[in-house]
Amino acid sequence: MGQLTGFVEMFWPFLVLIAVFYFFMYRPQKKQEKERAEFLQALKKGDRVVTAGGIHGTIKVLHESTVSLEIAPKVVIRLDRESIMRNEDGAARKPAEEDTPADEPDDSNEETGRGDKA
């Protein structure tokens, strides 16, 4: 019994370290991978997106692993679906968030005609 207690006392910091790695590194990474996969599956024709190389464009055709992206009038490039990083507005939004109107306060000042408060 004494050897078992010594073993536990010696290795409990390592067990705590493993738990910390799991909760602060592994789980968030898996969650992010899942959200990215959902984002790529939710892409549809007409979405405005930004690629990993910084190219902005509109999706014209979706294939299983590739996307045809219109980057200028009558200029269409084909690229891998994985190279799409985000929507052009800067977020990989979920479809439910797209349909919800944003309630933003109006900060315009009618007296000065400026957008800031004086």
C-alpha atoms as a PDB file:
ATOM      1  CA  MET A   1       0.000   0.000   0.000  1.00  0.00           C
ATOM      2  CA  GLY A   2       2.922   2.319   0.756  1.00  0.00           C
ATOM      3  CA  GLN A   3       4.312   1.919  -2.770  1.00  0.00           C
ATOM      4  CA  LEU A   4       0.938   2.783  -4.321  1.00  0.00           C
ATOM      5  CA  THR A   5       0.682   5.956  -2.250  1.00  0.00           C
ATOM      6  CA  GLY A   6       4.215   6.976  -3.269  1.00  0.00           C
ATOM      7  CA  PHE A   7       3.375   6.331  -6.922  1.00  0.00           C
ATOM      8  CA  VAL A   8       0.221   8.499  -6.764  1.00  0.00           C
ATOM      9  CA  GLU A   9       2.055  11.307  -4.941  1.00  0.00           C
ATOM     10  CA  MET A  10       4.792  11.276  -7.552  1.00  0.00           C
ATOM     11  CA  PHE A  11       2.546  11.295 -10.634  1.00  0.00           C
ATOM     12  CA  TRP A  12      -0.484  13.413  -9.644  1.00  0.00           C
ATOM     13  CA  PRO A  13       1.077  16.613 -11.085  1.00  0.00           C
ATOM     14  CA  PHE A  14       1.365  14.857 -14.447  1.00  0.00           C
ATOM     15  CA  LEU A  15      -2.266  13.760 -14.289  1.00  0.00           C
ATOM     16  CA  VAL A  16      -3.317  17.347 -13.560  1.00  0.00           C
ATOM     17  CA  LEU A  17      -1.185  18.551 -16.465  1.00  0.00           C
ATOM     18  CA  ILE A  18      -2.844  16.064 -18.805  1.00  0.00           C
ATOM     19  CA  ALA A  19      -6.278  17.255 -17.678  1.00  0.00           C
ATOM     20  CA  VAL A  20      -5.284  20.890 -18.266  1.00  0.00           C
ATOM     21  CA  PHE A  21      -4.045  20.083 -21.783  1.00  0.00           C
ATOM     22  CA  TYR A  22      -7.290  18.300 -22.536  1.00  0.00           C
ATOM     23  CA  PHE A  23      -9.600  21.081 -21.350  1.00  0.00           C
ATOM     24  CA  PHE A  24      -7.594  24.045 -22.608  1.00  0.00           C
ATOM     25  CA  MET A  25      -6.109  22.747 -25.845  1.00  0.00           C
ATOM     26  CA  TYR A  26      -7.648  19.573 -27.224  1.00  0.00           C
ATOM     27  CA  ARG A  27     -11.360  20.238 -26.621  1.00  0.00           C
ATOM     28  CA  PRO A  28     -11.379  23.826 -27.981  1.00  0.00           C
ATOM     29  CA  GLN A  29      -9.456  22.720 -31.072  1.00  0.00           C
ATOM     30  CA  LYS A  30     -11.940  19.930 -31.785  1.00  0.00           C
ATOM     31  CA  LYS A  31     -14.838  22.363 -31.315  1.00  0.00           C
ATOM     32  CA  GLN A  32     -13.232  24.825 -33.752  1.00  0.00           C
ATOM     33  CA  GLU A  33     -12.682  22.047 -36.309  1.00  0.00           C
ATOM     34  CA  LYS A  34     -16.336  21.043 -36.024  1.00  0.00           C
ATOM     35  CA  GLU A  35     -17.520  24.650 -36.515  1.00  0.00           C
ATOM     36  CA  ARG A  36     -15.257  25.031 -39.564  1.00  0.00           C
ATOM     37  CA  ALA A  37     -16.605  21.826 -41.114  1.00  0.00           C
ATOM     38  CA  GLU A  38     -20.176  23.071 -40.541  1.00  0.00           C
ATOM     39  CA  PHE A  39     -19.266  26.430 -42.119  1.00  0.00           C
ATOM     40  CA  LEU A  40     -17.824  24.763 -45.220  1.00  0.00           C
ATOM     41  CA  GLN A  41     -20.884  22.511 -45.565  1.00  0.00           C
ATOM     42  CA  ALA A  42     -23.228  25.514 -45.223  1.00  0.00           C
ATOM     43  CA  LEU A  43     -21.656  27.399 -48.149  1.00  0.00           C
ATOM     44  CA  LYS A  44     -24.070  28.113 -50.968  1.00  0.00           C
ATOM     45  CA  LYS A  45     -24.128  29.757 -54.363  1.00  0.00           C
ATOM     46  CA  GLY A  46     -24.008  33.545 -54.093  1.00  0.00           C
ATOM     47  CA  ASP A  47     -22.117  33.709 -50.773  1.00  0.00           C
ATOM     48  CA  ARG A  48     -19.408  36.371 -50.649  1.00  0.00           C
ATOM     49  CA  VAL A  49     -16.273  34.834 -49.164  1.00  0.00           C
ATOM     50  CA  VAL A  50     -12.561  35.421 -48.564  1.00  0.00           C
ATOM     51  CA  THR A  51      -9.962  32.764 -49.367  1.00  0.00           C
ATOM     52  CA  ALA A  52      -6.823  31.883 -47.428  1.00  0.00           C
ATOM     53  CA  GLY A  53      -4.844  33.986 -49.917  1.00  0.00           C
ATOM     54  CA  GLY A  54      -7.016  37.044 -49.291  1.00  0.00           C
ATOM     55  CA  ILE A  55      -9.003  36.856 -52.525  1.00  0.00           C
ATOM     56  CA  HIS A  56     -12.563  38.182 -52.210  1.00  0.00           C
ATOM     57  CA  GLY A  57     -15.245  36.746 -54.439  1.00  0.00           C
ATOM     58  CA  THR A  58     -18.713  35.320 -54.914  1.00  0.00           C
ATOM     59  CA  ILE A  59     -19.376  31.586 -55.073  1.00  0.00           C
ATOM     60  CA  LYS A  60     -20.750  30.613 -58.481  1.00  0.00           C
ATOM     61  CA  VAL A  61     -20.584  26.796 -58.431  1.00  0.00           C
ATOM     62  CA  LEU A  62     -20.075  24.368 -55.552  1.00  0.00           C
ATOM     63  CA  HIS A  63     -18.654  20.907 -56.097  1.00  0.00           C
ATOM     64  CA  GLU A  64     -17.861  18.263 -53.515  1.00  0.00           C
ATOM     65  CA  SER A  65     -14.290  19.403 -52.948  1.00  0.00           C
ATOM     66  CA  THR A  66     -13.909  22.503 -55.143  1.00  0.00           C
ATOM     67  CA  VAL A  67     -15.576  25.885 -55.542  1.00  0.00           C
ATOM     68  CA  SER A  68     -15.820  28.210 -58.542  1.00  0.00           C
ATOM     69  CA  LEU A  69     -15.353  31.754 -57.296  1.00  0.00           C
ATOM     70  CA  GLU A  70     -16.096  34.881 -59.331  1.00  0.00           C
ATOM     71  CA  ILE A  71     -13.500  37.489 -58.365  1.00  0.00           C
ATOM     72  CA  ALA A  72     -14.374  40.064 -61.052  1.00  0.00           C
ATOM     73  CA  PRO A  73     -17.033  40.252 -63.775  1.00  0.00           C
ATOM     74  CA  LYS A  74     -16.507  37.210 -66.041  1.00  0.00           C
ATOM     75  CA  VAL A  75     -13.376  36.131 -64.111  1.00  0.00           C
ATOM     76  CA  VAL A  76     -13.965  32.789 -62.388  1.00  0.00           C
ATOM     77  CA  ILE A  77     -11.326  30.775 -60.583  1.00  0.00           C
ATOM     78  CA  ARG A  78     -11.600  27.232 -59.276  1.00  0.00           C
ATOM     79  CA  LEU A  79     -10.122  26.434 -55.891  1.00  0.00           C
ATOM     80  CA  ASP A  80     -10.290  23.905 -53.120  1.00  0.00           C
ATOM     81  CA  ARG A  81     -13.244  24.297 -50.751  1.00  0.00           C
ATOM     82  CA  GLU A  82     -10.864  24.120 -47.761  1.00  0.00           C
ATOM     83  CA  SER A  83      -9.157  27.340 -48.874  1.00  0.00           C
ATOM     84  CA  ILE A  84     -12.252  29.410 -48.043  1.00  0.00           C
ATOM     85  CA  MET A  85     -11.573  30.999 -44.678  1.00  0.00           C
ATOM     86  CA  ARG A  86     -14.605  33.136 -43.872  1.00  0.00           C
ATOM     87  CA  ASN A  87     -17.546  35.129 -45.136  1.00  0.00           C
ATOM     88  CA  GLU A  88     -16.655  38.507 -46.564  1.00  0.00           C
ATOM     89  CA  ASP A  89     -18.237  40.250 -43.561  1.00  0.00           C
ATOM     90  CA  GLY A  90     -15.498  38.723 -41.390  1.00  0.00           C
ATOM     91  CA  ALA A  91     -17.316  35.947 -39.576  1.00  0.00           C
ATOM     92  CA  ALA A  92     -18.139  32.338 -40.201  1.00  0.00           C
ATOM     93  CA  ARG A  93     -21.749  32.845 -39.121  1.00  0.00           C
ATOM     94  CA  LYS A  94     -24.257  30.110 -38.586  1.00  0.00           C
ATOM     95  CA  PRO A  95     -27.402  30.171 -40.752  1.00  0.00           C
ATOM     96  CA  ALA A  96     -29.631  30.957 -37.743  1.00  0.00           C
ATOM     97  CA  GLU A  97     -27.600  34.103 -37.033  1.00  0.00           C
ATOM     98  CA  GLU A  98     -27.945  35.326 -40.626  1.00  0.00           C
ATOM     99  CA  ASP A  99     -31.738  35.457 -40.402  1.00  0.00           C
ATOM    100  CA  THR A 100     -31.810  37.349 -37.106  1.00  0.00           C
ATOM    101  CA  PRO A 101     -31.860  41.148 -37.536  1.00  0.00           C
ATOM    102  CA  ALA A 102     -29.284  43.034 -35.511  1.00  0.00           C
ATOM    103  CA  ASP A 103     -30.686  45.529 -33.004  1.00  0.00           C
ATOM    104  CA  GLU A 104     -28.155  48.333 -33.171  1.00  0.00           C
ATOM    105  CA  PRO A 105     -28.761  51.679 -31.461  1.00  0.00           C
ATOM    106  CA  ASP A 106     -28.808  54.755 -33.654  1.00  0.00           C
ATOM    107  CA  ASP A 107     -25.888  56.972 -32.612  1.00  0.00           C
ATOM    108  CA  SER A 108     -26.626  59.760 -35.070  1.00  0.00           C
ATOM    109  CA  ASN A 109     -27.006  63.249 -33.705  1.00  0.00           C
ATOM    110  CA  GLU A 110     -29.840  65.009 -35.553  1.00  0.00           C
ATOM    111  CA  GLU A 111     -28.766  68.513 -34.518  1.00  0.00           C
ATOM    112  CA  THR A 112     -25.239  68.351 -35.932  1.00  0.00           C
ATOM    113  CA  GLY A 113     -25.922  65.811 -38.657  1.00  0.00           C
ATOM    114  CA  ARG A 114     -22.821  63.901 -37.586  1.00  0.00           C
ATOM    115  CA  GLY A 115     -22.674  60.279 -36.527  1.00  0.00           C
ATOM    116  CA  ASP A 116     -20.923  61.022 -33.223  1.00  0.00           C
ATOM    117  CA  LYS A 117     -22.344  62.463 -30.048  1.00  0.00           C
ATOM    118  CA  ALA A 118     -21.210  66.016 -29.362  1.00  0.00           C
END
